[in-house]
Amino acid sequence: MRLPVRSLDNWRRLGPYEKFEQAVYGLLILFIALMVVHSLIFLALKLFEDILAAITFGEAALLKDAFGAILTVVILLEFNRSILAAMRGGAGLLELRIVVMIVIIVIARKLILFDYSAANLKNALFLGALILALGALYWLIGNAERQRSEAPPD
């Protein structure tokens, strides 16, 4: 059984591999946090540069760039949350739900940045079917969580 690391006493109870795992999770959280800060700085500088250049946000390419950068930050934050949930010893369904949400956001980013002028029907149908399947999976996981929380304790 893996204990959430909240105190020095809990840390002492962990085995060598669990300590290693917690340390790696901590490093990953730090690295992703640095990536978030870097992405936010890049986004702020890019938007500030566009505003100073008096570029209107009506241009499709500019909107794609801005939304792509914003969704990159959201993806990184959700990824960090999933690592934090794993580090705290979260339930398997919670972790799975977060991972599915990350994949949905990544595909949404792909759809926003997708060049529809050069798209063929097969790729568009594939992406649509994939997002529907992932949405259904996300709903099923949420439904399982609701049923689990409504079930009487054993």
N, C-alpha and C. Protein backbone atom coordinates (compact mmCIF):
# COMPACT_ATOMS: atom_id res chain seq x y z
N MET A 1 0.84 -1.18 0.00
CA MET A 1 0.00 0.00 0.00
C MET A 1 0.88 1.24 0.00
N ARG A 2 0.60 2.17 -0.90
CA ARG A 2 1.39 3.38 -0.99
C ARG A 2 0.75 4.47 -0.17
N LEU A 3 1.52 5.08 0.70
CA LEU A 3 1.03 6.15 1.55
C LEU A 3 1.28 7.50 0.89
N PRO A 4 0.34 8.43 1.03
CA PRO A 4 0.63 9.77 0.54
C PRO A 4 1.71 10.41 1.39
N VAL A 5 2.67 11.04 0.73
CA VAL A 5 3.77 11.64 1.47
C VAL A 5 3.33 13.02 1.93
N ARG A 6 2.95 13.13 3.21
CA ARG A 6 2.52 14.40 3.77
C ARG A 6 3.37 14.80 4.97
N SER A 7 4.12 13.85 5.49
CA SER A 7 4.94 14.16 6.65
C SER A 7 6.20 13.31 6.60
N LEU A 8 7.12 13.68 7.45
CA LEU A 8 8.38 12.94 7.53
C LEU A 8 8.13 11.51 8.01
N ASP A 9 7.12 11.35 8.87
CA ASP A 9 6.80 10.01 9.37
C ASP A 9 6.32 9.11 8.23
N ASN A 10 5.48 9.65 7.36
CA ASN A 10 5.02 8.87 6.20
C ASN A 10 6.18 8.55 5.26
N TRP A 11 7.11 9.50 5.10
CA TRP A 11 8.26 9.29 4.23
C TRP A 11 9.10 8.12 4.75
N ARG A 12 9.25 8.02 6.06
CA ARG A 12 10.05 6.94 6.65
C ARG A 12 9.40 5.58 6.44
N ARG A 13 8.09 5.55 6.33
CA ARG A 13 7.37 4.28 6.14
C ARG A 13 7.48 3.75 4.72
N LEU A 14 7.83 4.61 3.78
CA LEU A 14 7.93 4.18 2.39
C LEU A 14 9.15 3.30 2.17
N GLY A 15 8.99 2.37 1.24
CA GLY A 15 10.12 1.53 0.86
C GLY A 15 11.06 2.28 -0.08
N PRO A 16 12.17 1.69 -0.43
CA PRO A 16 13.14 2.38 -1.29
C PRO A 16 12.56 2.78 -2.65
N TYR A 17 11.81 1.87 -3.27
CA TYR A 17 11.26 2.22 -4.57
C TYR A 17 10.21 3.32 -4.46
N GLU A 18 9.38 3.28 -3.43
CA GLU A 18 8.36 4.31 -3.26
C GLU A 18 9.01 5.67 -3.03
N LYS A 19 10.12 5.70 -2.27
CA LYS A 19 10.86 6.95 -2.07
C LYS A 19 11.42 7.46 -3.40
N PHE A 20 11.97 6.54 -4.18
CA PHE A 20 12.48 6.91 -5.51
C PHE A 20 11.36 7.45 -6.39
N GLU A 21 10.22 6.76 -6.36
CA GLU A 21 9.07 7.19 -7.16
C GLU A 21 8.60 8.59 -6.75
N GLN A 22 8.52 8.85 -5.46
CA GLN A 22 8.09 10.16 -4.97
C GLN A 22 9.09 11.25 -5.38
N ALA A 23 10.38 10.93 -5.32
CA ALA A 23 11.40 11.90 -5.72
C ALA A 23 11.30 12.21 -7.21
N VAL A 24 11.06 11.19 -8.03
CA VAL A 24 10.92 11.41 -9.47
C VAL A 24 9.67 12.24 -9.76
N TYR A 25 8.56 11.92 -9.08
CA TYR A 25 7.35 12.74 -9.24
C TYR A 25 7.62 14.20 -8.89
N GLY A 26 8.35 14.42 -7.80
CA GLY A 26 8.69 15.79 -7.40
C GLY A 26 9.50 16.51 -8.45
N LEU A 27 10.50 15.81 -9.03
CA LEU A 27 11.30 16.42 -10.09
C LEU A 27 10.46 16.71 -11.34
N LEU A 28 9.58 15.78 -11.68
CA LEU A 28 8.71 16.01 -12.85
C LEU A 28 7.81 17.22 -12.63
N ILE A 29 7.26 17.35 -11.43
CA ILE A 29 6.42 18.51 -11.13
C ILE A 29 7.22 19.79 -11.26
N LEU A 30 8.45 19.79 -10.78
CA LEU A 30 9.32 20.96 -10.89
C LEU A 30 9.61 21.29 -12.36
N PHE A 31 9.96 20.28 -13.15
CA PHE A 31 10.27 20.51 -14.56
C PHE A 31 9.05 21.03 -15.33
N ILE A 32 7.90 20.45 -15.07
CA ILE A 32 6.69 20.90 -15.77
C ILE A 32 6.32 22.31 -15.32
N ALA A 33 6.53 22.62 -14.04
CA ALA A 33 6.27 23.99 -13.57
C ALA A 33 7.18 24.98 -14.29
N LEU A 34 8.44 24.61 -14.50
CA LEU A 34 9.35 25.48 -15.26
C LEU A 34 8.88 25.64 -16.71
N MET A 35 8.37 24.56 -17.29
CA MET A 35 7.84 24.64 -18.66
C MET A 35 6.62 25.55 -18.71
N VAL A 36 5.76 25.50 -17.68
CA VAL A 36 4.58 26.36 -17.63
C VAL A 36 5.01 27.81 -17.56
N VAL A 37 5.97 28.11 -16.69
CA VAL A 37 6.45 29.49 -16.56
C VAL A 37 7.06 29.97 -17.88
N HIS A 38 7.86 29.11 -18.52
CA HIS A 38 8.46 29.46 -19.81
C HIS A 38 7.39 29.71 -20.86
N SER A 39 6.39 28.84 -20.91
CA SER A 39 5.31 28.99 -21.89
C SER A 39 4.50 30.25 -21.64
N LEU A 40 4.25 30.57 -20.37
CA LEU A 40 3.51 31.79 -20.05
C LEU A 40 4.30 33.04 -20.46
N ILE A 41 5.60 33.03 -20.19
CA ILE A 41 6.43 34.18 -20.60
C ILE A 41 6.42 34.31 -22.11
N PHE A 42 6.58 33.20 -22.83
CA PHE A 42 6.55 33.23 -24.29
C PHE A 42 5.21 33.74 -24.79
N LEU A 43 4.13 33.27 -24.20
CA LEU A 43 2.79 33.70 -24.60
C LEU A 43 2.60 35.19 -24.36
N ALA A 44 3.01 35.66 -23.18
CA ALA A 44 2.86 37.08 -22.86
C ALA A 44 3.68 37.95 -23.81
N LEU A 45 4.91 37.55 -24.09
CA LEU A 45 5.75 38.33 -25.01
C LEU A 45 5.17 38.33 -26.42
N LYS A 46 4.69 37.19 -26.86
CA LYS A 46 4.12 37.09 -28.21
C LYS A 46 2.87 37.96 -28.33
N LEU A 47 1.97 37.90 -27.34
CA LEU A 47 0.76 38.71 -27.39
C LEU A 47 1.09 40.20 -27.30
N PHE A 48 2.06 40.56 -26.44
CA PHE A 48 2.47 41.96 -26.30
C PHE A 48 3.07 42.46 -27.61
N GLU A 49 3.88 41.63 -28.24
CA GLU A 49 4.47 41.99 -29.54
C GLU A 49 3.39 42.19 -30.60
N ASP A 50 2.40 41.32 -30.62
CA ASP A 50 1.31 41.44 -31.59
C ASP A 50 0.49 42.70 -31.35
N ILE A 51 0.26 43.03 -30.08
CA ILE A 51 -0.51 44.24 -29.76
C ILE A 51 0.27 45.48 -30.17
N LEU A 52 1.59 45.49 -29.89
CA LEU A 52 2.41 46.64 -30.27
C LEU A 52 2.49 46.82 -31.78
N ALA A 53 2.47 45.71 -32.50
CA ALA A 53 2.53 45.77 -33.96
C ALA A 53 1.17 46.08 -34.56
N ALA A 54 0.17 46.27 -33.72
CA ALA A 54 -1.20 46.61 -34.13
C ALA A 54 -1.79 45.56 -35.06
N ILE A 55 -1.45 44.31 -34.78
CA ILE A 55 -2.02 43.22 -35.57
C ILE A 55 -3.40 42.92 -34.99
N THR A 56 -4.37 42.81 -35.85
CA THR A 56 -5.72 42.52 -35.37
C THR A 56 -5.85 41.02 -35.12
N PHE A 57 -6.67 40.69 -34.14
CA PHE A 57 -6.86 39.29 -33.80
C PHE A 57 -7.89 38.63 -34.71
N GLY A 58 -8.26 39.30 -35.76
CA GLY A 58 -9.17 38.71 -36.74
C GLY A 58 -8.45 37.78 -37.69
N GLU A 59 -7.15 37.84 -37.72
CA GLU A 59 -6.38 36.97 -38.60
C GLU A 59 -6.39 35.55 -38.05
N ALA A 60 -6.72 34.61 -38.90
CA ALA A 60 -6.85 33.21 -38.47
C ALA A 60 -5.54 32.65 -37.94
N ALA A 61 -4.44 32.96 -38.60
CA ALA A 61 -3.15 32.41 -38.18
C ALA A 61 -2.76 32.92 -36.79
N LEU A 62 -3.04 34.18 -36.52
CA LEU A 62 -2.71 34.75 -35.22
C LEU A 62 -3.56 34.13 -34.12
N LEU A 63 -4.84 33.94 -34.41
CA LEU A 63 -5.72 33.30 -33.43
C LEU A 63 -5.28 31.86 -33.16
N LYS A 64 -4.88 31.16 -34.21
CA LYS A 64 -4.41 29.79 -34.03
C LYS A 64 -3.18 29.76 -33.14
N ASP A 65 -2.25 30.69 -33.39
CA ASP A 65 -1.04 30.74 -32.57
C ASP A 65 -1.37 31.04 -31.11
N ALA A 66 -2.25 32.01 -30.88
CA ALA A 66 -2.61 32.40 -29.51
C ALA A 66 -3.32 31.25 -28.79
N PHE A 67 -4.32 30.66 -29.43
CA PHE A 67 -5.03 29.54 -28.79
C PHE A 67 -4.14 28.33 -28.61
N GLY A 68 -3.25 28.09 -29.56
CA GLY A 68 -2.32 26.98 -29.42
C GLY A 68 -1.41 27.15 -28.21
N ALA A 69 -0.92 28.37 -28.01
CA ALA A 69 -0.05 28.64 -26.86
C ALA A 69 -0.83 28.53 -25.55
N ILE A 70 -2.05 29.04 -25.54
CA ILE A 70 -2.88 28.96 -24.33
C ILE A 70 -3.19 27.50 -23.99
N LEU A 71 -3.56 26.72 -24.99
CA LEU A 71 -3.87 25.31 -24.74
C LEU A 71 -2.64 24.52 -24.33
N THR A 72 -1.46 24.93 -24.81
CA THR A 72 -0.23 24.28 -24.36
C THR A 72 -0.05 24.47 -22.87
N VAL A 73 -0.31 25.67 -22.37
CA VAL A 73 -0.21 25.93 -20.94
C VAL A 73 -1.24 25.09 -20.18
N VAL A 74 -2.46 25.02 -20.69
CA VAL A 74 -3.51 24.22 -20.03
C VAL A 74 -3.12 22.75 -19.99
N ILE A 75 -2.56 22.25 -21.08
CA ILE A 75 -2.13 20.85 -21.14
C ILE A 75 -1.04 20.59 -20.10
N LEU A 76 -0.08 21.49 -20.01
CA LEU A 76 0.99 21.33 -19.03
C LEU A 76 0.44 21.35 -17.61
N LEU A 77 -0.51 22.24 -17.32
CA LEU A 77 -1.09 22.31 -15.98
C LEU A 77 -1.85 21.03 -15.65
N GLU A 78 -2.62 20.51 -16.58
CA GLU A 78 -3.36 19.27 -16.34
C GLU A 78 -2.42 18.09 -16.18
N PHE A 79 -1.34 18.09 -16.95
CA PHE A 79 -0.35 17.03 -16.83
C PHE A 79 0.29 17.08 -15.45
N ASN A 80 0.59 18.28 -14.99
CA ASN A 80 1.16 18.44 -13.65
C ASN A 80 0.18 17.96 -12.58
N ARG A 81 -1.11 18.24 -12.79
CA ARG A 81 -2.12 17.79 -11.84
C ARG A 81 -2.19 16.26 -11.78
N SER A 82 -2.05 15.61 -12.93
CA SER A 82 -2.11 14.15 -12.93
C SER A 82 -0.91 13.56 -12.20
N ILE A 83 0.25 14.19 -12.34
CA ILE A 83 1.43 13.71 -11.61
C ILE A 83 1.25 13.93 -10.12
N LEU A 84 0.68 15.08 -9.75
CA LEU A 84 0.44 15.36 -8.33
C LEU A 84 -0.56 14.37 -7.74
N ALA A 85 -1.58 14.00 -8.52
CA ALA A 85 -2.55 13.01 -8.05
C ALA A 85 -1.88 11.66 -7.85
N ALA A 86 -1.00 11.29 -8.77
CA ALA A 86 -0.27 10.03 -8.62
C ALA A 86 0.66 10.08 -7.42
N MET A 87 1.26 11.24 -7.20
CA MET A 87 2.19 11.39 -6.08
C MET A 87 1.46 11.27 -4.74
N ARG A 88 0.23 11.75 -4.69
CA ARG A 88 -0.55 11.68 -3.46
C ARG A 88 -1.24 10.33 -3.30
N GLY A 89 -1.05 9.46 -4.27
CA GLY A 89 -1.67 8.14 -4.16
C GLY A 89 -3.14 8.17 -4.49
N GLY A 90 -3.52 8.96 -5.48
CA GLY A 90 -4.92 9.09 -5.86
C GLY A 90 -5.49 7.80 -6.39
N ALA A 91 -6.80 7.78 -6.46
CA ALA A 91 -7.50 6.60 -6.96
C ALA A 91 -7.19 6.41 -8.44
N GLY A 92 -7.21 5.18 -8.88
CA GLY A 92 -6.90 4.87 -10.27
C GLY A 92 -7.84 5.54 -11.25
N LEU A 93 -9.14 5.59 -10.92
CA LEU A 93 -10.10 6.22 -11.84
C LEU A 93 -9.85 7.72 -11.95
N LEU A 94 -9.47 8.35 -10.86
CA LEU A 94 -9.17 9.77 -10.90
C LEU A 94 -8.00 10.04 -11.82
N GLU A 95 -6.94 9.26 -11.68
CA GLU A 95 -5.77 9.43 -12.54
C GLU A 95 -6.14 9.16 -13.99
N LEU A 96 -6.90 8.12 -14.25
CA LEU A 96 -7.30 7.79 -15.61
C LEU A 96 -8.15 8.91 -16.20
N ARG A 97 -9.05 9.46 -15.41
CA ARG A 97 -9.91 10.55 -15.89
C ARG A 97 -9.07 11.77 -16.27
N ILE A 98 -8.06 12.09 -15.47
CA ILE A 98 -7.19 13.23 -15.78
C ILE A 98 -6.40 12.97 -17.05
N VAL A 99 -5.89 11.76 -17.21
CA VAL A 99 -5.13 11.43 -18.41
C VAL A 99 -6.02 11.53 -19.65
N VAL A 100 -7.25 11.01 -19.56
CA VAL A 100 -8.17 11.11 -20.69
C VAL A 100 -8.48 12.58 -20.99
N MET A 101 -8.64 13.39 -19.94
CA MET A 101 -8.90 14.81 -20.14
C MET A 101 -7.72 15.48 -20.86
N ILE A 102 -6.50 15.11 -20.49
CA ILE A 102 -5.33 15.67 -21.15
C ILE A 102 -5.33 15.31 -22.64
N VAL A 103 -5.64 14.06 -22.93
CA VAL A 103 -5.67 13.63 -24.34
C VAL A 103 -6.75 14.39 -25.10
N ILE A 104 -7.90 14.61 -24.48
CA ILE A 104 -8.98 15.37 -25.14
C ILE A 104 -8.51 16.79 -25.42
N ILE A 105 -7.84 17.41 -24.46
CA ILE A 105 -7.34 18.77 -24.66
C ILE A 105 -6.29 18.81 -25.77
N VAL A 106 -5.42 17.81 -25.81
CA VAL A 106 -4.40 17.75 -26.87
C VAL A 106 -5.07 17.63 -28.24
N ILE A 107 -6.11 16.80 -28.33
CA ILE A 107 -6.80 16.65 -29.61
C ILE A 107 -7.57 17.91 -29.96
N ALA A 108 -8.16 18.57 -28.96
CA ALA A 108 -8.84 19.84 -29.21
C ALA A 108 -7.84 20.87 -29.73
N ARG A 109 -6.64 20.88 -29.16
CA ARG A 109 -5.60 21.79 -29.66
C ARG A 109 -5.27 21.45 -31.11
N LYS A 110 -5.17 20.16 -31.40
CA LYS A 110 -4.89 19.72 -32.78
C LYS A 110 -6.00 20.18 -33.72
N LEU A 111 -7.26 20.07 -33.28
CA LEU A 111 -8.38 20.50 -34.12
C LEU A 111 -8.37 22.01 -34.35
N ILE A 112 -7.98 22.77 -33.33
CA ILE A 112 -7.92 24.22 -33.49
C ILE A 112 -6.82 24.61 -34.47
N LEU A 113 -5.68 23.93 -34.38
CA LEU A 113 -4.55 24.26 -35.23
C LEU A 113 -4.57 23.53 -36.57
N PHE A 114 -5.55 22.71 -36.78
CA PHE A 114 -5.66 21.88 -37.98
C PHE A 114 -5.84 22.76 -39.22
N ASP A 115 -5.11 22.46 -40.28
CA ASP A 115 -5.24 23.19 -41.54
C ASP A 115 -6.34 22.52 -42.36
N TYR A 116 -7.53 23.07 -42.25
CA TYR A 116 -8.68 22.45 -42.91
C TYR A 116 -8.66 22.62 -44.42
N SER A 117 -7.90 23.59 -44.92
CA SER A 117 -7.83 23.77 -46.38
C SER A 117 -7.07 22.63 -47.04
N ALA A 118 -6.14 22.02 -46.31
CA ALA A 118 -5.36 20.93 -46.87
C ALA A 118 -5.81 19.57 -46.33
N ALA A 119 -6.93 19.53 -45.63
CA ALA A 119 -7.38 18.30 -44.99
C ALA A 119 -8.11 17.40 -45.97
N ASN A 120 -7.99 16.12 -45.71
CA ASN A 120 -8.81 15.19 -46.47
C ASN A 120 -9.88 14.62 -45.54
N LEU A 121 -10.89 14.07 -46.10
CA LEU A 121 -12.04 13.60 -45.34
C LEU A 121 -11.66 12.50 -44.34
N LYS A 122 -10.76 11.64 -44.73
CA LYS A 122 -10.36 10.53 -43.87
C LYS A 122 -9.75 11.04 -42.55
N ASN A 123 -8.86 12.02 -42.63
CA ASN A 123 -8.24 12.56 -41.41
C ASN A 123 -9.27 13.27 -40.54
N ALA A 124 -10.16 14.04 -41.15
CA ALA A 124 -11.18 14.75 -40.39
C ALA A 124 -12.13 13.77 -39.69
N LEU A 125 -12.54 12.72 -40.38
CA LEU A 125 -13.41 11.71 -39.78
C LEU A 125 -12.70 10.96 -38.66
N PHE A 126 -11.43 10.68 -38.86
CA PHE A 126 -10.66 10.00 -37.82
C PHE A 126 -10.58 10.85 -36.56
N LEU A 127 -10.26 12.12 -36.70
CA LEU A 127 -10.16 13.00 -35.53
C LEU A 127 -11.53 13.15 -34.84
N GLY A 128 -12.59 13.25 -35.62
CA GLY A 128 -13.93 13.35 -35.05
C GLY A 128 -14.31 12.09 -34.28
N ALA A 129 -14.04 10.93 -34.86
CA ALA A 129 -14.35 9.66 -34.18
C ALA A 129 -13.51 9.51 -32.92
N LEU A 130 -12.26 9.93 -32.98
CA LEU A 130 -11.39 9.84 -31.82
C LEU A 130 -11.88 10.73 -30.68
N ILE A 131 -12.29 11.94 -30.98
CA ILE A 131 -12.76 12.84 -29.93
C ILE A 131 -14.09 12.33 -29.35
N LEU A 132 -14.96 11.76 -30.17
CA LEU A 132 -16.21 11.17 -29.67
C LEU A 132 -15.93 9.98 -28.75
N ALA A 133 -15.00 9.13 -29.16
CA ALA A 133 -14.66 7.96 -28.34
C ALA A 133 -14.05 8.39 -27.00
N LEU A 134 -13.18 9.37 -27.04
CA LEU A 134 -12.58 9.84 -25.80
C LEU A 134 -13.60 10.54 -24.90
N GLY A 135 -14.52 11.28 -25.50
CA GLY A 135 -15.59 11.91 -24.73
C GLY A 135 -16.46 10.87 -24.05
N ALA A 136 -16.77 9.80 -24.78
CA ALA A 136 -17.56 8.71 -24.20
C ALA A 136 -16.79 8.02 -23.07
N LEU A 137 -15.50 7.82 -23.26
CA LEU A 137 -14.68 7.22 -22.21
C LEU A 137 -14.64 8.11 -20.98
N TYR A 138 -14.50 9.42 -21.18
CA TYR A 138 -14.47 10.36 -20.06
C TYR A 138 -15.80 10.31 -19.30
N TRP A 139 -16.90 10.24 -20.04
CA TRP A 139 -18.22 10.15 -19.41
C TRP A 139 -18.36 8.84 -18.63
N LEU A 140 -17.90 7.73 -19.21
CA LEU A 140 -17.99 6.44 -18.54
C LEU A 140 -17.18 6.43 -17.24
N ILE A 141 -16.01 7.03 -17.27
CA ILE A 141 -15.19 7.09 -16.06
C ILE A 141 -15.89 7.93 -15.00
N GLY A 142 -16.45 9.07 -15.40
CA GLY A 142 -17.20 9.91 -14.46
C GLY A 142 -18.41 9.19 -13.90
N ASN A 143 -19.08 8.43 -14.75
CA ASN A 143 -20.25 7.65 -14.31
C ASN A 143 -19.82 6.58 -13.30
N ALA A 144 -18.71 5.92 -13.55
CA ALA A 144 -18.20 4.91 -12.61
C ALA A 144 -17.84 5.55 -11.28
N GLU A 145 -17.25 6.76 -11.32
CA GLU A 145 -16.92 7.47 -10.07
C GLU A 145 -18.19 7.82 -9.30
N ARG A 146 -19.24 8.26 -10.00
CA ARG A 146 -20.50 8.60 -9.33
C ARG A 146 -21.12 7.36 -8.70
N GLN A 147 -21.14 6.25 -9.42
CA GLN A 147 -21.70 5.02 -8.87
C GLN A 147 -20.90 4.54 -7.67
N ARG A 148 -19.60 4.71 -7.73
CA ARG A 148 -18.75 4.30 -6.63
C ARG A 148 -19.01 5.15 -5.39
N SER A 149 -19.21 6.45 -5.58
CA SER A 149 -19.45 7.33 -4.43
C SER A 149 -20.86 7.17 -3.87
N GLU A 150 -21.83 6.75 -4.70
CA GLU A 150 -23.20 6.57 -4.24
C GLU A 150 -23.43 5.18 -3.62
N ALA A 151 -22.50 4.26 -3.86
CA ALA A 151 -22.66 2.89 -3.34
C ALA A 151 -22.52 2.90 -1.83
N PRO A 152 -23.35 2.09 -1.15
CA PRO A 152 -23.22 2.01 0.32
C PRO A 152 -21.90 1.38 0.70
N PRO A 153 -21.28 1.84 1.79
CA PRO A 153 -20.00 1.25 2.22
C PRO A 153 -20.16 -0.21 2.60
N ASP A 154 -19.12 -1.00 2.34
CA ASP A 154 -19.16 -2.44 2.66
C ASP A 154 -18.95 -2.67 4.13
